[in-house]
PDB file of all heavy atoms in Angstrom:
ATOM      1  N   LEU A   1       0.793  -1.161  -0.003  1.00  0.00           N
ATOM      2  CA  LEU A   1      -0.004   0.027  -0.020  1.00  0.00           C
ATOM      3  C   LEU A   1       0.842   1.269  -0.011  1.00  0.00           C
ATOM      4  O   LEU A   1       0.483   2.296  -0.664  1.00  0.00           O
ATOM      5  CB  LEU A   1      -0.930  -0.015   1.251  1.00  0.00           C
ATOM      6  CG  LEU A   1      -1.927   1.142   1.382  1.00  0.00           C
ATOM      7  CD1 LEU A   1      -2.842   1.238   0.195  1.00  0.00           C
ATOM      8  CD2 LEU A   1      -2.716   1.072   2.658  1.00  0.00           C
ATOM      9  N   GLY A   2       2.010   1.150   0.592  1.00  0.00           N
ATOM     10  CA  GLY A   2       2.875   2.411   0.695  1.00  0.00           C
ATOM     11  C   GLY A   2       3.829   2.454  -0.485  1.00  0.00           C
ATOM     12  O   GLY A   2       3.435   2.443  -1.565  1.00  0.00           O
ATOM     13  N   ARG A   3       5.148   2.512  -0.141  1.00  0.00           N
ATOM     14  CA  ARG A   3       6.185   2.633  -1.173  1.00  0.00           C
ATOM     15  C   ARG A   3       6.257   1.330  -2.031  1.00  0.00           C
ATOM     16  O   ARG A   3       6.863   1.373  -3.083  1.00  0.00           O
ATOM     17  CB  ARG A   3       7.529   2.970  -0.571  1.00  0.00           C
ATOM     18  CG  ARG A   3       7.548   4.304   0.068  1.00  0.00           C
ATOM     19  CD  ARG A   3       8.857   4.620   0.725  1.00  0.00           C
ATOM     20  NE  ARG A   3       8.879   5.901   1.332  1.00  0.00           N
ATOM     21  CZ  ARG A   3       9.897   6.419   2.032  1.00  0.00           C
ATOM     22  NH1 ARG A   3      11.060   5.757   2.089  1.00  0.00           N
ATOM     23  NH2 ARG A   3       9.789   7.609   2.556  1.00  0.00           N
ATOM     24  N   GLY A   4       5.681   0.206  -1.503  1.00  0.00           N
ATOM     25  CA  GLY A   4       5.778  -1.000  -2.297  1.00  0.00           C
ATOM     26  C   GLY A   4       5.224  -0.919  -3.646  1.00  0.00           C
ATOM     27  O   GLY A   4       5.701  -1.589  -4.619  1.00  0.00           O
ATOM     28  N   LYS A   5       4.230  -0.005  -3.845  1.00  0.00           N
ATOM     29  CA  LYS A   5       3.565   0.129  -5.202  1.00  0.00           C
ATOM     30  C   LYS A   5       4.555   0.700  -6.147  1.00  0.00           C
ATOM     31  O   LYS A   5       4.505   0.386  -7.361  1.00  0.00           O
ATOM     32  CB  LYS A   5       2.333   0.999  -5.052  1.00  0.00           C
ATOM     33  CG  LYS A   5       2.519   2.366  -4.528  1.00  0.00           C
ATOM     34  CD  LYS A   5       1.208   3.100  -4.496  1.00  0.00           C
ATOM     35  CE  LYS A   5       1.332   4.524  -3.912  1.00  0.00           C
ATOM     36  NZ  LYS A   5       1.535   4.408  -2.419  1.00  0.00           N
ATOM     37  N   TYR A   6       5.536   1.503  -5.726  1.00  0.00           N
ATOM     38  CA  TYR A   6       6.524   2.000  -6.591  1.00  0.00           C
ATOM     39  C   TYR A   6       7.535   1.020  -6.985  1.00  0.00           C
ATOM     40  O   TYR A   6       8.142   1.019  -8.135  1.00  0.00           O
ATOM     41  CB  TYR A   6       7.195   3.260  -6.010  1.00  0.00           C
ATOM     42  CG  TYR A   6       6.249   4.337  -5.603  1.00  0.00           C
ATOM     43  CD1 TYR A   6       6.067   4.777  -4.292  1.00  0.00           C
ATOM     44  CD2 TYR A   6       5.420   5.016  -6.601  1.00  0.00           C
ATOM     45  CE1 TYR A   6       5.148   5.742  -3.952  1.00  0.00           C
ATOM     46  CE2 TYR A   6       4.556   6.027  -6.317  1.00  0.00           C
ATOM     47  CZ  TYR A   6       4.414   6.375  -4.993  1.00  0.00           C
ATOM     48  OH  TYR A   6       3.472   7.305  -4.709  1.00  0.00           O
ATOM     49  N   VAL A   7       7.760   0.017  -6.037  1.00  0.00           N
ATOM     50  CA  VAL A   7       8.670  -1.123  -6.363  1.00  0.00           C
ATOM     51  C   VAL A   7       8.020  -1.940  -7.507  1.00  0.00           C
ATOM     52  O   VAL A   7       8.692  -2.367  -8.450  1.00  0.00           O
ATOM     53  CB  VAL A   7       8.838  -1.971  -5.189  1.00  0.00           C
ATOM     54  CG1 VAL A   7       9.674  -3.245  -5.499  1.00  0.00           C
ATOM     55  CG2 VAL A   7       9.626  -1.129  -4.068  1.00  0.00           C
ATOM     56  N   LEU A   8       6.719  -2.150  -7.453  1.00  0.00           N
ATOM     57  CA  LEU A   8       6.062  -2.952  -8.518  1.00  0.00           C
ATOM     58  C   LEU A   8       6.140  -2.127  -9.785  1.00  0.00           C
ATOM     59  O   LEU A   8       6.328  -2.834 -10.862  1.00  0.00           O
ATOM     60  CB  LEU A   8       4.550  -3.124  -7.974  1.00  0.00           C
ATOM     61  CG  LEU A   8       4.231  -4.048  -6.918  1.00  0.00           C
ATOM     62  CD1 LEU A   8       2.809  -4.216  -6.657  1.00  0.00           C
ATOM     63  CD2 LEU A   8       4.836  -5.443  -7.240  1.00  0.00           C
ATOM     64  N   MET A   9       5.984  -0.816  -9.766  1.00  0.00           N
ATOM     65  CA  MET A   9       6.146  -0.143 -10.995  1.00  0.00           C
ATOM     66  C   MET A   9       7.612  -0.193 -11.611  1.00  0.00           C
ATOM     67  O   MET A   9       7.712  -0.434 -12.775  1.00  0.00           O
ATOM     68  CB  MET A   9       5.863   1.409 -10.675  1.00  0.00           C
ATOM     69  CG  MET A   9       4.458   1.805 -10.630  1.00  0.00           C
ATOM     70  SD  MET A   9       4.293   3.602 -10.391  1.00  0.00           S
ATOM     71  CE  MET A   9       4.970   4.319 -11.817  1.00  0.00           C
ATOM     72  N   GLY A  10       8.563  -0.162 -10.713  1.00  0.00           N
ATOM     73  CA  GLY A  10       9.949  -0.320 -11.121  1.00  0.00           C
ATOM     74  C   GLY A  10      10.211  -1.695 -11.799  1.00  0.00           C
ATOM     75  O   GLY A  10      10.822  -1.775 -12.780  1.00  0.00           O
ATOM     76  N   ILE A  11       9.747  -2.754 -11.187  1.00  0.00           N
ATOM     77  CA  ILE A  11       9.911  -4.068 -11.677  1.00  0.00           C
ATOM     78  C   ILE A  11       9.132  -4.271 -13.015  1.00  0.00           C
ATOM     79  O   ILE A  11       9.699  -4.811 -13.965  1.00  0.00           O
ATOM     80  CB  ILE A  11       9.275  -5.142 -10.683  1.00  0.00           C
ATOM     81  CG1 ILE A  11      10.084  -5.212  -9.485  1.00  0.00           C
ATOM     82  CG2 ILE A  11       9.175  -6.528 -11.363  1.00  0.00           C
ATOM     83  CD1 ILE A  11       9.480  -6.035  -8.292  1.00  0.00           C
ATOM     84  N   TYR A  12       8.038  -3.642 -13.224  1.00  0.00           N
ATOM     85  CA  TYR A  12       7.331  -3.646 -14.442  1.00  0.00           C
ATOM     86  C   TYR A  12       8.042  -2.915 -15.505  1.00  0.00           C
ATOM     87  O   TYR A  12       8.131  -3.370 -16.673  1.00  0.00           O
ATOM     88  CB  TYR A  12       5.872  -3.016 -14.268  1.00  0.00           C
ATOM     89  CG  TYR A  12       4.951  -3.157 -15.466  1.00  0.00           C
ATOM     90  CD1 TYR A  12       4.283  -4.348 -15.654  1.00  0.00           C
ATOM     91  CD2 TYR A  12       4.786  -2.139 -16.374  1.00  0.00           C
ATOM     92  CE1 TYR A  12       3.433  -4.468 -16.777  1.00  0.00           C
ATOM     93  CE2 TYR A  12       3.947  -2.251 -17.470  1.00  0.00           C
ATOM     94  CZ  TYR A  12       3.247  -3.411 -17.596  1.00  0.00           C
ATOM     95  OH  TYR A  12       2.445  -3.531 -18.737  1.00  0.00           O
ATOM     96  N   PHE A  13       8.489  -1.799 -15.147  1.00  0.00           N
ATOM     97  CA  PHE A  13       9.374  -0.961 -16.090  1.00  0.00           C
ATOM     98  C   PHE A  13      10.642  -1.748 -16.561  1.00  0.00           C
ATOM     99  O   PHE A  13      10.846  -1.775 -17.779  1.00  0.00           O
ATOM    100  CB  PHE A  13       9.884   0.300 -15.277  1.00  0.00           C
ATOM    101  CG  PHE A  13      10.547   1.287 -16.255  1.00  0.00           C
ATOM    102  CD1 PHE A  13      10.008   2.327 -16.833  1.00  0.00           C
ATOM    103  CD2 PHE A  13      11.964   1.166 -16.415  1.00  0.00           C
ATOM    104  CE1 PHE A  13      10.705   3.224 -17.666  1.00  0.00           C
ATOM    105  CE2 PHE A  13      12.687   2.015 -17.255  1.00  0.00           C
ATOM    106  CZ  PHE A  13      12.109   3.082 -17.860  1.00  0.00           C
ATOM    107  N   ILE A  14      11.319  -2.396 -15.606  1.00  0.00           N
ATOM    108  CA  ILE A  14      12.517  -3.143 -16.054  1.00  0.00           C
ATOM    109  C   ILE A  14      12.191  -4.378 -16.908  1.00  0.00           C
ATOM    110  O   ILE A  14      12.855  -4.639 -17.889  1.00  0.00           O
ATOM    111  CB  ILE A  14      13.305  -3.584 -14.770  1.00  0.00           C
ATOM    112  CG1 ILE A  14      13.921  -2.402 -14.003  1.00  0.00           C
ATOM    113  CG2 ILE A  14      14.406  -4.534 -15.107  1.00  0.00           C
ATOM    114  CD1 ILE A  14      14.423  -2.642 -12.648  1.00  0.00           C
ATOM    115  N   LEU A  15      11.109  -5.087 -16.468  1.00  0.00           N
ATOM    116  CA  LEU A  15      10.696  -6.199 -17.300  1.00  0.00           C
ATOM    117  C   LEU A  15      10.394  -5.759 -18.706  1.00  0.00           C
ATOM    118  O   LEU A  15      10.770  -6.407 -19.698  1.00  0.00           O
ATOM    119  CB  LEU A  15       9.421  -6.863 -16.713  1.00  0.00           C
ATOM    120  CG  LEU A  15       9.629  -7.953 -15.647  1.00  0.00           C
ATOM    121  CD1 LEU A  15       8.353  -8.473 -15.126  1.00  0.00           C
ATOM    122  CD2 LEU A  15      10.368  -9.161 -16.380  1.00  0.00           C
ATOM    123  N   MET A  16       9.643  -4.742 -18.912  1.00  0.00           N
ATOM    124  CA  MET A  16       9.220  -4.173 -20.123  1.00  0.00           C
ATOM    125  C   MET A  16      10.466  -3.792 -20.952  1.00  0.00           C
ATOM    126  O   MET A  16      10.586  -4.084 -22.164  1.00  0.00           O
ATOM    127  CB  MET A  16       8.222  -3.007 -19.971  1.00  0.00           C
ATOM    128  CG  MET A  16       7.402  -2.754 -21.331  1.00  0.00           C
ATOM    129  SD  MET A  16       6.269  -4.031 -21.728  1.00  0.00           S
ATOM    130  CE  MET A  16       4.904  -3.684 -20.559  1.00  0.00           C
ATOM    131  N   LEU A  17      11.377  -3.108 -20.331  1.00  0.00           N
ATOM    132  CA  LEU A  17      12.617  -2.687 -21.002  1.00  0.00           C
ATOM    133  C   LEU A  17      13.435  -3.899 -21.484  1.00  0.00           C
ATOM    134  O   LEU A  17      13.828  -3.811 -22.709  1.00  0.00           O
ATOM    135  CB  LEU A  17      13.516  -1.910 -19.938  1.00  0.00           C
ATOM    136  CG  LEU A  17      14.893  -1.555 -20.356  1.00  0.00           C
ATOM    137  CD1 LEU A  17      14.884  -0.511 -21.506  1.00  0.00           C
ATOM    138  CD2 LEU A  17      15.755  -0.932 -19.195  1.00  0.00           C
ATOM    139  N   VAL A  18      13.566  -4.929 -20.716  1.00  0.00           N
ATOM    140  CA  VAL A  18      14.480  -6.082 -21.075  1.00  0.00           C
ATOM    141  C   VAL A  18      13.753  -6.784 -22.227  1.00  0.00           C
ATOM    142  O   VAL A  18      14.393  -7.193 -23.224  1.00  0.00           O
ATOM    143  CB  VAL A  18      14.639  -6.980 -19.915  1.00  0.00           C
ATOM    144  CG1 VAL A  18      15.313  -8.351 -20.364  1.00  0.00           C
ATOM    145  CG2 VAL A  18      15.440  -6.230 -18.887  1.00  0.00           C
ATOM    146  N   ILE A  19      12.477  -7.126 -22.131  1.00  0.00           N
ATOM    147  CA  ILE A  19      11.779  -7.902 -23.130  1.00  0.00           C
ATOM    148  C   ILE A  19      11.632  -7.180 -24.426  1.00  0.00           C
ATOM    149  O   ILE A  19      11.820  -7.700 -25.495  1.00  0.00           O
ATOM    150  CB  ILE A  19      10.463  -8.414 -22.604  1.00  0.00           C
ATOM    151  CG1 ILE A  19      10.570  -9.256 -21.361  1.00  0.00           C
ATOM    152  CG2 ILE A  19       9.815  -9.274 -23.750  1.00  0.00           C
ATOM    153  CD1 ILE A  19      11.468 -10.418 -21.437  1.00  0.00           C
ATOM    154  N   ILE A  20      11.253  -5.971 -24.417  1.00  0.00           N
ATOM    155  CA  ILE A  20      11.132  -5.087 -25.644  1.00  0.00           C
ATOM    156  C   ILE A  20      12.527  -4.986 -26.340  1.00  0.00           C
ATOM    157  O   ILE A  20      12.627  -5.005 -27.510  1.00  0.00           O
ATOM    158  CB  ILE A  20      10.531  -3.738 -25.337  1.00  0.00           C
ATOM    159  CG1 ILE A  20       9.058  -3.875 -24.920  1.00  0.00           C
ATOM    160  CG2 ILE A  20      10.581  -2.878 -26.575  1.00  0.00           C
ATOM    161  CD1 ILE A  20       8.353  -2.552 -24.680  1.00  0.00           C
ATOM    162  N   HIS A  21      13.592  -4.850 -25.452  1.00  0.00           N
ATOM    163  CA  HIS A  21      14.903  -4.749 -26.055  1.00  0.00           C
ATOM    164  C   HIS A  21      15.286  -6.053 -26.663  1.00  0.00           C
ATOM    165  O   HIS A  21      15.882  -5.961 -27.843  1.00  0.00           O
ATOM    166  CB  HIS A  21      15.893  -4.319 -24.920  1.00  0.00           C
ATOM    167  CG  HIS A  21      17.375  -4.342 -25.370  1.00  0.00           C
ATOM    168  ND1 HIS A  21      17.907  -3.410 -26.204  1.00  0.00           N
ATOM    169  CD2 HIS A  21      18.359  -5.215 -25.195  1.00  0.00           C
ATOM    170  CE1 HIS A  21      19.196  -3.623 -26.473  1.00  0.00           C
ATOM    171  NE2 HIS A  21      19.434  -4.769 -25.867  1.00  0.00           N
ATOM    172  N   LEU A  22      15.017  -7.179 -26.071  1.00  0.00           N
ATOM    173  CA  LEU A  22      15.323  -8.424 -26.665  1.00  0.00           C
ATOM    174  C   LEU A  22      14.559  -8.686 -27.986  1.00  0.00           C
ATOM    175  O   LEU A  22      15.117  -9.367 -28.930  1.00  0.00           O
ATOM    176  CB  LEU A  22      15.047  -9.640 -25.695  1.00  0.00           C
ATOM    177  CG  LEU A  22      16.045  -9.685 -24.508  1.00  0.00           C
ATOM    178  CD1 LEU A  22      15.416 -10.804 -23.576  1.00  0.00           C
ATOM    179  CD2 LEU A  22      17.359 -10.042 -24.956  1.00  0.00           C
ATOM    180  N   CYS A  23      13.370  -8.180 -28.067  1.00  0.00           N
ATOM    181  CA  CYS A  23      12.534  -8.341 -29.230  1.00  0.00           C
ATOM    182  C   CYS A  23      12.839  -7.243 -30.344  1.00  0.00           C
ATOM    183  O   CYS A  23      12.300  -7.264 -31.377  1.00  0.00           O
ATOM    184  CB  CYS A  23      11.076  -8.188 -28.962  1.00  0.00           C
ATOM    185  SG  CYS A  23      10.467  -9.604 -27.942  1.00  0.00           S
ATOM    186  N   GLU A  24      13.861  -6.376 -30.054  1.00  0.00           N
ATOM    187  CA  GLU A  24      14.328  -5.295 -30.930  1.00  0.00           C
ATOM    188  C   GLU A  24      13.125  -4.339 -31.250  1.00  0.00           C
ATOM    189  O   GLU A  24      12.866  -3.904 -32.370  1.00  0.00           O
ATOM    190  CB  GLU A  24      14.825  -5.801 -32.285  1.00  0.00           C
ATOM    191  CG  GLU A  24      16.077  -6.637 -32.068  1.00  0.00           C
ATOM    192  CD  GLU A  24      16.833  -6.963 -33.395  1.00  0.00           C
ATOM    193  OE1 GLU A  24      16.180  -6.789 -34.498  1.00  0.00           O
ATOM    194  OE2 GLU A  24      18.060  -7.265 -33.391  1.00  0.00           O
ATOM    195  N   GLY A  25      12.419  -4.025 -30.134  1.00  0.00           N
ATOM    196  CA  GLY A  25      11.227  -3.158 -30.295  1.00  0.00           C
ATOM    197  C   GLY A  25      11.479  -1.746 -30.106  1.00  0.00           C
ATOM    198  O   GLY A  25      10.529  -0.875 -30.220  1.00  0.00           O
ATOM    199  N   PHE A  26      12.756  -1.372 -29.810  1.00  0.00           N
ATOM    200  CA  PHE A  26      13.096   0.080 -29.712  1.00  0.00           C
ATOM    201  C   PHE A  26      13.837   0.672 -30.928  1.00  0.00           C
ATOM    202  O   PHE A  26      14.332   1.773 -30.815  1.00  0.00           O
ATOM    203  CB  PHE A  26      14.005   0.327 -28.380  1.00  0.00           C
ATOM    204  CG  PHE A  26      13.302  -0.019 -27.128  1.00  0.00           C
ATOM    205  CD1 PHE A  26      13.838  -0.788 -26.140  1.00  0.00           C
ATOM    206  CD2 PHE A  26      12.099   0.624 -26.939  1.00  0.00           C
ATOM    207  CE1 PHE A  26      13.218  -1.056 -24.961  1.00  0.00           C
ATOM    208  CE2 PHE A  26      11.442   0.399 -25.687  1.00  0.00           C
ATOM    209  CZ  PHE A  26      11.964  -0.427 -24.658  1.00  0.00           C
ATOM    210  N   LYS A  27      13.895  -0.038 -32.045  1.00  0.00           N
ATOM    211  CA  LYS A  27      14.580   0.378 -33.161  1.00  0.00           C
ATOM    212  C   LYS A  27      13.795   1.296 -34.026  1.00  0.00           C
ATOM    213  O   LYS A  27      13.576   1.070 -35.187  1.00  0.00           O
ATOM    214  CB  LYS A  27      15.157  -0.815 -33.926  1.00  0.00           C
ATOM    215  CG  LYS A  27      16.196  -1.612 -33.149  1.00  0.00           C
ATOM    216  CD  LYS A  27      17.036  -2.498 -33.996  1.00  0.00           C
ATOM    217  CE  LYS A  27      18.134  -3.103 -33.282  1.00  0.00           C
ATOM    218  NZ  LYS A  27      19.128  -3.854 -33.985  1.00  0.00           N
ATOM    219  N   TYR A  28      13.379   2.407 -33.426  1.00  0.00           N
ATOM    220  CA  TYR A  28      12.694   3.461 -34.195  1.00  0.00           C
ATOM    221  C   TYR A  28      13.578   3.982 -35.222  1.00  0.00           C
ATOM    222  O   TYR A  28      14.670   4.409 -34.975  1.00  0.00           O
ATOM    223  CB  TYR A  28      12.246   4.629 -33.262  1.00  0.00           C
ATOM    224  CG  TYR A  28      11.600   4.124 -31.942  1.00  0.00           C
ATOM    225  CD1 TYR A  28      12.258   4.491 -30.799  1.00  0.00           C
ATOM    226  CD2 TYR A  28      10.418   3.395 -31.888  1.00  0.00           C
ATOM    227  CE1 TYR A  28      11.720   4.117 -29.567  1.00  0.00           C
ATOM    228  CE2 TYR A  28       9.875   3.015 -30.623  1.00  0.00           C
ATOM    229  CZ  TYR A  28      10.565   3.346 -29.433  1.00  0.00           C
ATOM    230  OH  TYR A  28      10.026   2.989 -28.304  1.00  0.00           O
ATOM    231  N   GLY A  29      13.025   4.058 -36.422  1.00  0.00           N
ATOM    232  CA  GLY A  29      13.838   4.676 -37.580  1.00  0.00           C
ATOM    233  C   GLY A  29      14.847   3.711 -38.142  1.00  0.00           C
ATOM    234  O   GLY A  29      15.578   4.052 -39.058  1.00  0.00           O
ATOM    235  N   ILE A  30      15.017   2.478 -37.610  1.00  0.00           N
ATOM    236  CA  ILE A  30      15.947   1.518 -38.152  1.00  0.00           C
ATOM    237  C   ILE A  30      15.103   0.402 -38.825  1.00  0.00           C
ATOM    238  O   ILE A  30      15.313   0.167 -39.969  1.00  0.00           O
ATOM    239  CB  ILE A  30      16.786   0.948 -37.015  1.00  0.00           C
ATOM    240  CG1 ILE A  30      17.688   2.081 -36.420  1.00  0.00           C
ATOM    241  CG2 ILE A  30      17.734  -0.170 -37.569  1.00  0.00           C
ATOM    242  CD1 ILE A  30      18.490   1.583 -35.249  1.00  0.00           C
ATOM    243  N   LEU A  31      14.355  -0.294 -38.073  1.00  0.00           N
ATOM    244  CA  LEU A  31      13.452  -1.368 -38.650  1.00  0.00           C
ATOM    245  C   LEU A  31      12.232  -0.661 -39.253  1.00  0.00           C
ATOM    246  O   LEU A  31      11.919   0.576 -39.123  1.00  0.00           O
ATOM    247  CB  LEU A  31      13.054  -2.320 -37.491  1.00  0.00           C
ATOM    248  CG  LEU A  31      14.121  -3.168 -36.889  1.00  0.00           C
ATOM    249  CD1 LEU A  31      13.435  -4.097 -35.790  1.00  0.00           C
ATOM    250  CD2 LEU A  31      14.906  -3.915 -37.874  1.00  0.00           C
ATOM    251  N   LYS A  32      11.459  -1.464 -40.014  1.00  0.00           N
ATOM    252  CA  LYS A  32      10.225  -0.911 -40.511  1.00  0.00           C
ATOM    253  C   LYS A  32       9.207  -0.716 -39.445  1.00  0.00           C
ATOM    254  O   LYS A  32       9.239  -1.476 -38.347  1.00  0.00           O
ATOM    255  CB  LYS A  32       9.643  -1.942 -41.611  1.00  0.00           C
ATOM    256  CG  LYS A  32      10.637  -1.979 -42.845  1.00  0.00           C
ATOM    257  CD  LYS A  32      10.012  -2.925 -43.870  1.00  0.00           C
ATOM    258  CE  LYS A  32      10.907  -3.078 -45.059  1.00  0.00           C
ATOM    259  NZ  LYS A  32      10.413  -4.015 -46.044  1.00  0.00           N
ATOM    260  N   ILE A  33       8.315   0.161 -39.556  1.00  0.00           N
ATOM    261  CA  ILE A  33       7.374   0.494 -38.481  1.00  0.00           C
ATOM    262  C   ILE A  33       6.516  -0.741 -38.068  1.00  0.00           C
ATOM    263  O   ILE A  33       6.319  -1.001 -36.891  1.00  0.00           O
ATOM    264  CB  ILE A  33       6.401   1.660 -38.927  1.00  0.00           C
ATOM    265  CG1 ILE A  33       5.585   2.092 -37.685  1.00  0.00           C
ATOM    266  CG2 ILE A  33       5.518   1.241 -40.120  1.00  0.00           C
ATOM    267  CD1 ILE A  33       4.881   3.394 -37.988  1.00  0.00           C
ATOM    268  N   ALA A  34       6.131  -1.579 -39.007  1.00  0.00           N
ATOM    269  CA  ALA A  34       5.322  -2.742 -38.695  1.00  0.00           C
ATOM    270  C   ALA A  34       6.172  -3.734 -37.873  1.00  0.00           C
ATOM    271  O   ALA A  34       5.659  -4.340 -36.902  1.00  0.00           O
ATOM    272  CB  ALA A  34       4.858  -3.475 -39.997  1.00  0.00           C
ATOM    273  N   ASP A  35       7.475  -3.911 -38.138  1.00  0.00           N
ATOM    274  CA  ASP A  35       8.367  -4.774 -37.347  1.00  0.00           C
ATOM    275  C   ASP A  35       8.519  -4.307 -35.945  1.00  0.00           C
ATOM    276  O   ASP A  35       8.460  -5.062 -34.924  1.00  0.00           O
ATOM    277  CB  ASP A  35       9.708  -4.929 -38.076  1.00  0.00           C
ATOM    278  CG  ASP A  35       9.572  -5.693 -39.347  1.00  0.00           C
ATOM    279  OD1 ASP A  35       8.719  -6.448 -39.517  1.00  0.00           O
ATOM    280  OD2 ASP A  35      10.588  -5.536 -40.181  1.00  0.00           O
ATOM    281  N   VAL A  36       8.721  -2.974 -35.781  1.00  0.00           N
ATOM    282  CA  VAL A  36       8.816  -2.426 -34.459  1.00  0.00           C
ATOM    283  C   VAL A  36       7.550  -2.613 -33.634  1.00  0.00           C
ATOM    284  O   VAL A  36       7.585  -3.070 -32.438  1.00  0.00           O
ATOM    285  CB  VAL A  36       9.235  -0.935 -34.423  1.00  0.00           C
ATOM    286  CG1 VAL A  36       9.191  -0.293 -33.159  1.00  0.00           C
ATOM    287  CG2 VAL A  36      10.667  -0.833 -35.089  1.00  0.00           C
ATOM    288  N   LEU A  37       6.456  -2.333 -34.252  1.00  0.00           N
ATOM    289  CA  LEU A  37       5.110  -2.348 -33.574  1.00  0.00           C
ATOM    290  C   LEU A  37       4.793  -3.787 -33.226  1.00  0.00           C
ATOM    291  O   LEU A  37       4.391  -4.047 -31.953  1.00  0.00           O
ATOM    292  CB  LEU A  37       4.041  -1.828 -34.493  1.00  0.00           C
ATOM    293  CG  LEU A  37       2.672  -1.561 -33.865  1.00  0.00           C
ATOM    294  CD1 LEU A  37       2.822  -0.561 -32.751  1.00  0.00           C
ATOM    295  CD2 LEU A  37       1.702  -1.026 -34.962  1.00  0.00           C
TER     296      LEU A  37
END
């Protein structure tokens, strides 16, 4: 209920960062738009 909710946000942020990076989903302007999406 307290600061723990920000820990959950941080974990979610990191998970999303790692998995999208592994899927090459941050290559704006490099891959085609459909591939990035």
